[in-house]
């Protein structure tokens, strides 16, 4: 998944299946040099990591965005329907040290409200 269509795809799923307990956002495009580190999405440009919001991709007329921080990006792309402060992320440390069981426990411990989770800081 890249950042281009994410919110539109989620809205389409909700329109057919109804609201979900949570959405897990894990943008990844290895060939495109995309990485998420501490909630910031980067693009590798000639061995330099550039915040995605500062790239040409972010200036796309149809799918552009300003935010490189994925919590802020969710708020931006949902026009404030989902606030950045309500987005939960899972650190790479939790993934590496706790594994799937720790991630499951963390997700299950969250309050059941409409949430999007910027989950994977897996670079």
C-alpha atoms as a PDB file:
ATOM      1  CA  UNK A   1       0.000   0.000   0.000  1.00  0.00           C
ATOM      2  CA  UNK A   2       1.192   3.481  -0.774  1.00  0.00           C
ATOM      3  CA  UNK A   3      -0.230   6.709   0.607  1.00  0.00           C
ATOM      4  CA  UNK A   4      -1.991   7.559  -2.667  1.00  0.00           C
ATOM      5  CA  UNK A   5      -5.263   5.645  -2.310  1.00  0.00           C
ATOM      6  CA  UNK A   6      -5.390   4.563   1.297  1.00  0.00           C
ATOM      7  CA  UNK A   7      -8.293   6.661   2.610  1.00  0.00           C
ATOM      8  CA  UNK A   8     -10.401   6.228  -0.524  1.00  0.00           C
ATOM      9  CA  UNK A   9      -9.984   2.451  -0.285  1.00  0.00           C
ATOM     10  CA  UNK A  10     -10.944   2.446   3.390  1.00  0.00           C
ATOM     11  CA  UNK A  11     -14.028   4.569   2.683  1.00  0.00           C
ATOM     12  CA  UNK A  12     -15.059   2.187  -0.118  1.00  0.00           C
ATOM     13  CA  UNK A  13     -14.784  -0.823   2.198  1.00  0.00           C
ATOM     14  CA  UNK A  14     -16.825   0.929   4.903  1.00  0.00           C
ATOM     15  CA  UNK A  15     -19.530   1.837   2.363  1.00  0.00           C
ATOM     16  CA  UNK A  16     -19.975  -1.869   1.562  1.00  0.00           C
ATOM     17  CA  UNK A  17     -19.210  -3.646   4.847  1.00  0.00           C
ATOM     18  CA  UNK A  18     -19.963  -0.974   7.446  1.00  0.00           C
ATOM     19  CA  UNK A  19     -17.707   0.459  10.141  1.00  0.00           C
ATOM     20  CA  UNK A  20     -14.729  -1.523  11.349  1.00  0.00           C
ATOM     21  CA  UNK A  21     -13.285  -1.625  14.859  1.00  0.00           C
ATOM     22  CA  UNK A  22      -9.967  -0.409  13.492  1.00  0.00           C
ATOM     23  CA  UNK A  23      -7.921   0.140  10.381  1.00  0.00           C
ATOM     24  CA  UNK A  24      -4.305  -0.857  10.237  1.00  0.00           C
ATOM     25  CA  UNK A  25      -2.164   1.355   8.047  1.00  0.00           C
ATOM     26  CA  UNK A  26       1.114  -0.123   6.970  1.00  0.00           C
ATOM     27  CA  UNK A  27       2.390   1.802   3.949  1.00  0.00           C
ATOM     28  CA  UNK A  28       5.192  -0.074   2.281  1.00  0.00           C
ATOM     29  CA  UNK A  29       6.776   0.069  -1.162  1.00  0.00           C
ATOM     30  CA  UNK A  30      10.242  -1.474  -1.074  1.00  0.00           C
ATOM     31  CA  UNK A  31      11.004  -0.843  -4.743  1.00  0.00           C
ATOM     32  CA  UNK A  32      10.032   2.791  -4.300  1.00  0.00           C
ATOM     33  CA  UNK A  33      12.298   3.197  -1.278  1.00  0.00           C
ATOM     34  CA  UNK A  34       9.467   3.920   1.170  1.00  0.00           C
ATOM     35  CA  UNK A  35      10.056   3.587   4.902  1.00  0.00           C
ATOM     36  CA  UNK A  36       8.150   4.491   8.070  1.00  0.00           C
ATOM     37  CA  UNK A  37      10.302   5.388  11.071  1.00  0.00           C
ATOM     38  CA  UNK A  38       8.748   6.676  14.316  1.00  0.00           C
ATOM     39  CA  UNK A  39       5.497   7.528  12.490  1.00  0.00           C
ATOM     40  CA  UNK A  40       7.260   9.552   9.767  1.00  0.00           C
ATOM     41  CA  UNK A  41       6.968   8.198   6.223  1.00  0.00           C
ATOM     42  CA  UNK A  42      10.107   8.660   4.120  1.00  0.00           C
ATOM     43  CA  UNK A  43      11.165   8.211   0.513  1.00  0.00           C
ATOM     44  CA  UNK A  44      14.739   7.160  -0.216  1.00  0.00           C
ATOM     45  CA  UNK A  45      16.195   9.600  -2.741  1.00  0.00           C
ATOM     46  CA  UNK A  46      19.820   8.889  -3.677  1.00  0.00           C
ATOM     47  CA  UNK A  47      20.667   7.460  -0.250  1.00  0.00           C
ATOM     48  CA  UNK A  48      18.900  10.303   1.562  1.00  0.00           C
ATOM     49  CA  UNK A  49      15.624   9.746   3.394  1.00  0.00           C
ATOM     50  CA  UNK A  50      13.257  12.575   2.498  1.00  0.00           C
ATOM     51  CA  UNK A  51       9.997  13.045   4.444  1.00  0.00           C
ATOM     52  CA  UNK A  52       7.261  11.922   2.041  1.00  0.00           C
ATOM     53  CA  UNK A  53       5.349  15.190   2.407  1.00  0.00           C
ATOM     54  CA  UNK A  54       8.359  17.030   0.962  1.00  0.00           C
ATOM     55  CA  UNK A  55       8.522  14.972  -2.245  1.00  0.00           C
ATOM     56  CA  UNK A  56       7.020  15.379  -5.699  1.00  0.00           C
ATOM     57  CA  UNK A  57       4.658  12.482  -4.931  1.00  0.00           C
ATOM     58  CA  UNK A  58       3.006  14.606  -2.250  1.00  0.00           C
ATOM     59  CA  UNK A  59       2.258  17.344  -4.788  1.00  0.00           C
ATOM     60  CA  UNK A  60       0.026  15.093  -6.916  1.00  0.00           C
ATOM     61  CA  UNK A  61      -3.100  17.028  -7.920  1.00  0.00           C
ATOM     62  CA  UNK A  62      -5.493  14.189  -7.096  1.00  0.00           C
ATOM     63  CA  UNK A  63      -3.861  12.470  -4.137  1.00  0.00           C
ATOM     64  CA  UNK A  64      -1.419  15.007  -2.737  1.00  0.00           C
ATOM     65  CA  UNK A  65      -0.727  15.589   0.933  1.00  0.00           C
ATOM     66  CA  UNK A  66       1.415  17.782   3.181  1.00  0.00           C
ATOM     67  CA  UNK A  67       1.971  15.599   6.231  1.00  0.00           C
ATOM     68  CA  UNK A  68       4.864  13.161   6.526  1.00  0.00           C
ATOM     69  CA  UNK A  69       3.843  12.143  10.050  1.00  0.00           C
ATOM     70  CA  UNK A  70       1.273   9.427   9.429  1.00  0.00           C
ATOM     71  CA  UNK A  71      -0.838  10.436  12.419  1.00  0.00           C
ATOM     72  CA  UNK A  72      -1.163  13.925  10.937  1.00  0.00           C
ATOM     73  CA  UNK A  73      -1.599  12.426   7.462  1.00  0.00           C
ATOM     74  CA  UNK A  74      -4.673  10.478   8.658  1.00  0.00           C
ATOM     75  CA  UNK A  75      -6.212  13.678  10.023  1.00  0.00           C
ATOM     76  CA  UNK A  76      -5.343  15.549   6.822  1.00  0.00           C
ATOM     77  CA  UNK A  77      -6.708  12.899   4.452  1.00  0.00           C
ATOM     78  CA  UNK A  78      -9.931  12.404   6.440  1.00  0.00           C
ATOM     79  CA  UNK A  79     -10.507  16.166   6.589  1.00  0.00           C
ATOM     80  CA  UNK A  80     -10.433  16.033  10.375  1.00  0.00           C
ATOM     81  CA  UNK A  81     -12.929  13.165  10.701  1.00  0.00           C
ATOM     82  CA  UNK A  82     -10.194  11.245  12.501  1.00  0.00           C
ATOM     83  CA  UNK A  83      -7.922  13.342  14.687  1.00  0.00           C
ATOM     84  CA  UNK A  84      -4.194  12.699  14.799  1.00  0.00           C
ATOM     85  CA  UNK A  85      -4.464  12.385  18.570  1.00  0.00           C
ATOM     86  CA  UNK A  86      -6.751   9.343  18.179  1.00  0.00           C
ATOM     87  CA  UNK A  87      -4.338   7.441  15.949  1.00  0.00           C
ATOM     88  CA  UNK A  88      -2.319   4.756  17.703  1.00  0.00           C
ATOM     89  CA  UNK A  89       0.991   3.426  16.456  1.00  0.00           C
ATOM     90  CA  UNK A  90       2.939   0.311  17.212  1.00  0.00           C
ATOM     91  CA  UNK A  91       6.677   0.711  17.479  1.00  0.00           C
ATOM     92  CA  UNK A  92       9.257  -1.466  15.855  1.00  0.00           C
ATOM     93  CA  UNK A  93      10.479  -2.288  19.368  1.00  0.00           C
ATOM     94  CA  UNK A  94       7.118  -3.871  20.216  1.00  0.00           C
ATOM     95  CA  UNK A  95       7.164  -5.814  16.959  1.00  0.00           C
ATOM     96  CA  UNK A  96      10.702  -7.079  17.493  1.00  0.00           C
ATOM     97  CA  UNK A  97      10.626  -7.764  21.233  1.00  0.00           C
ATOM     98  CA  UNK A  98       7.016  -8.748  21.809  1.00  0.00           C
ATOM     99  CA  UNK A  99       6.084 -10.231  18.459  1.00  0.00           C
ATOM    100  CA  UNK A 100       2.555 -10.978  17.281  1.00  0.00           C
ATOM    101  CA  UNK A 101       1.230 -11.771  20.753  1.00  0.00           C
ATOM    102  CA  UNK A 102       2.285  -8.377  22.117  1.00  0.00           C
ATOM    103  CA  UNK A 103       0.789  -6.590  19.113  1.00  0.00           C
ATOM    104  CA  UNK A 104      -2.487  -8.473  19.562  1.00  0.00           C
ATOM    105  CA  UNK A 105      -2.545  -7.686  23.280  1.00  0.00           C
ATOM    106  CA  UNK A 106      -1.866  -4.010  22.563  1.00  0.00           C
ATOM    107  CA  UNK A 107      -4.625  -3.774  19.954  1.00  0.00           C
ATOM    108  CA  UNK A 108      -7.137  -5.594  22.147  1.00  0.00           C
ATOM    109  CA  UNK A 109      -6.395  -3.247  25.058  1.00  0.00           C
ATOM    110  CA  UNK A 110      -7.506  -0.158  23.139  1.00  0.00           C
ATOM    111  CA  UNK A 111     -10.906   1.396  23.641  1.00  0.00           C
ATOM    112  CA  UNK A 112     -13.447   0.433  21.020  1.00  0.00           C
ATOM    113  CA  UNK A 113     -13.999   3.669  19.144  1.00  0.00           C
ATOM    114  CA  UNK A 114     -13.599   4.441  15.460  1.00  0.00           C
ATOM    115  CA  UNK A 115      -9.843   4.342  15.078  1.00  0.00           C
ATOM    116  CA  UNK A 116      -7.260   4.184  12.375  1.00  0.00           C
ATOM    117  CA  UNK A 117      -3.975   2.812  13.522  1.00  0.00           C
ATOM    118  CA  UNK A 118      -0.733   3.866  11.980  1.00  0.00           C
ATOM    119  CA  UNK A 119       0.591   0.548  13.007  1.00  0.00           C
ATOM    120  CA  UNK A 120       3.817  -0.534  11.533  1.00  0.00           C
ATOM    121  CA  UNK A 121       7.029   1.356  12.140  1.00  0.00           C
ATOM    122  CA  UNK A 122       8.845  -1.644  10.732  1.00  0.00           C
ATOM    123  CA  UNK A 123      11.886  -0.189   9.034  1.00  0.00           C
END
